[in-house]
């Protein structure tokens, strides 16, 4: 059941489609998701990530998944068909781009 759930997350939420990246994410995400209660708490609470021994566990468990997820984000931002994508990551990238564009407008930065 957990393999099916992970596959749904990778394809629907993240929108991963590259076979090599999907394989890498399938390999590393379970390690991140099964780190234990203190490391899980530290992931949600950044100030705990600086404390030993949790810091090492979190850093080790999250390094590879973080790199893979940032690669997915960069791929979304560069995708010329971003508007056609339906995965959650694409929606978040579009929303962030729209928000950034709103802040770049002169009417929103106090310049007339």
Protein backbone atom coordinates (compact mmCIF):
# COMPACT_ATOMS: atom_id res chain seq x y z
CA UNK A 1 0.00 0.00 0.00
CA UNK A 2 2.83 2.41 0.83
CA UNK A 3 4.39 1.83 -2.60
CA UNK A 4 1.12 2.79 -4.28
CA UNK A 5 0.80 5.88 -2.09
CA UNK A 6 4.37 6.92 -2.91
CA UNK A 7 3.72 6.44 -6.62
CA UNK A 8 0.60 8.62 -6.46
CA UNK A 9 2.54 11.34 -4.64
CA UNK A 10 5.43 11.22 -7.11
CA UNK A 11 3.22 11.40 -10.18
CA UNK A 12 0.24 13.49 -9.04
CA UNK A 13 1.72 15.86 -6.49
CA UNK A 14 5.27 16.19 -7.76
CA UNK A 15 4.49 15.32 -11.37
CA UNK A 16 7.72 13.38 -11.86
CA UNK A 17 7.87 11.67 -15.23
CA UNK A 18 11.57 11.22 -15.99
CA UNK A 19 12.22 7.47 -15.48
CA UNK A 20 15.66 7.96 -13.89
CA UNK A 21 14.44 10.64 -11.47
CA UNK A 22 11.34 8.59 -10.62
CA UNK A 23 13.56 5.61 -9.78
CA UNK A 24 15.82 7.79 -7.63
CA UNK A 25 12.84 9.32 -5.80
CA UNK A 26 11.33 5.87 -5.22
CA UNK A 27 14.61 4.82 -3.63
CA UNK A 28 15.18 7.81 -1.33
CA UNK A 29 11.73 9.01 -0.28
CA UNK A 30 10.94 6.00 1.95
CA UNK A 31 14.17 6.68 3.88
CA UNK A 32 13.08 10.27 4.44
CA UNK A 33 9.54 9.30 5.36
CA UNK A 34 10.71 6.70 7.91
CA UNK A 35 13.23 8.75 9.90
CA UNK A 36 11.59 8.45 13.31
CA UNK A 37 9.59 10.75 15.52
CA UNK A 38 12.37 13.17 16.61
CA UNK A 39 13.71 13.64 13.10
CA UNK A 40 10.15 14.07 11.78
CA UNK A 41 9.56 16.76 14.37
CA UNK A 42 12.85 18.42 13.40
CA UNK A 43 11.87 18.46 9.72
CA UNK A 44 8.77 20.44 10.67
CA UNK A 45 10.65 22.61 13.19
CA UNK A 46 13.80 24.12 11.62
CA UNK A 47 15.35 25.26 14.92
CA UNK A 48 15.53 21.61 16.01
CA UNK A 49 17.55 20.78 12.89
CA UNK A 50 20.56 22.51 14.44
CA UNK A 51 20.64 20.22 17.49
CA UNK A 52 22.51 16.94 17.72
CA UNK A 53 21.89 14.08 17.09
CA UNK A 54 18.80 15.02 15.13
CA UNK A 55 20.70 17.40 12.84
CA UNK A 56 22.82 14.64 11.32
CA UNK A 57 19.88 12.31 10.80
CA UNK A 58 17.78 14.98 9.11
CA UNK A 59 20.64 16.23 6.94
CA UNK A 60 21.55 12.72 5.81
CA UNK A 61 17.94 11.67 5.15
CA UNK A 62 16.95 14.85 3.32
CA UNK A 63 20.04 15.67 1.22
CA UNK A 64 19.30 13.43 -1.78
CA UNK A 65 15.49 13.92 -1.82
CA UNK A 66 15.96 17.69 -1.57
CA UNK A 67 18.27 17.73 -4.58
CA UNK A 68 15.86 15.63 -6.61
CA UNK A 69 12.89 17.82 -5.66
CA UNK A 70 14.79 21.00 -6.53
CA UNK A 71 15.55 19.43 -9.92
CA UNK A 72 11.81 18.89 -10.40
CA UNK A 73 11.11 22.52 -9.45
CA UNK A 74 13.74 23.78 -11.90
CA UNK A 75 12.27 21.56 -14.60
CA UNK A 76 8.78 22.99 -13.96
CA UNK A 77 10.04 26.57 -14.14
CA UNK A 78 11.73 25.85 -17.47
CA UNK A 79 8.78 23.93 -18.93
CA UNK A 80 7.29 25.87 -21.87
CA UNK A 81 4.03 23.95 -21.32
CA UNK A 82 3.75 24.74 -17.60
CA UNK A 83 0.22 26.09 -18.05
CA UNK A 84 -0.93 22.70 -19.37
CA UNK A 85 0.45 20.65 -16.47
CA UNK A 86 -1.97 19.45 -13.80
CA UNK A 87 0.40 18.26 -11.07
CA UNK A 88 0.40 20.13 -7.76
CA UNK A 89 4.03 21.20 -8.11
CA UNK A 90 3.24 22.91 -11.42
CA UNK A 91 0.32 24.71 -9.78
CA UNK A 92 2.59 25.91 -6.96
CA UNK A 93 5.23 27.13 -9.42
CA UNK A 94 2.58 29.02 -11.41
CA UNK A 95 1.21 30.59 -8.22
CA UNK A 96 4.70 31.63 -7.10
CA UNK A 97 5.42 33.13 -10.52
CA UNK A 98 2.14 35.06 -10.47
CA UNK A 99 2.84 36.33 -6.98
CA UNK A 100 6.35 37.41 -7.98
CA UNK A 101 4.94 39.18 -11.04
CA UNK A 102 2.43 41.04 -8.87
CA UNK A 103 5.20 42.26 -6.58
CA UNK A 104 7.24 43.39 -9.58
CA UNK A 105 4.48 45.72 -10.81
CA UNK A 106 5.06 49.42 -10.06
CA UNK A 107 1.57 49.82 -8.55
CA UNK A 108 2.41 47.24 -5.89
CA UNK A 109 5.77 48.66 -4.82
CA UNK A 110 4.79 52.24 -4.03
CA UNK A 111 6.01 53.71 -7.33
CA UNK A 112 3.49 55.64 -9.37
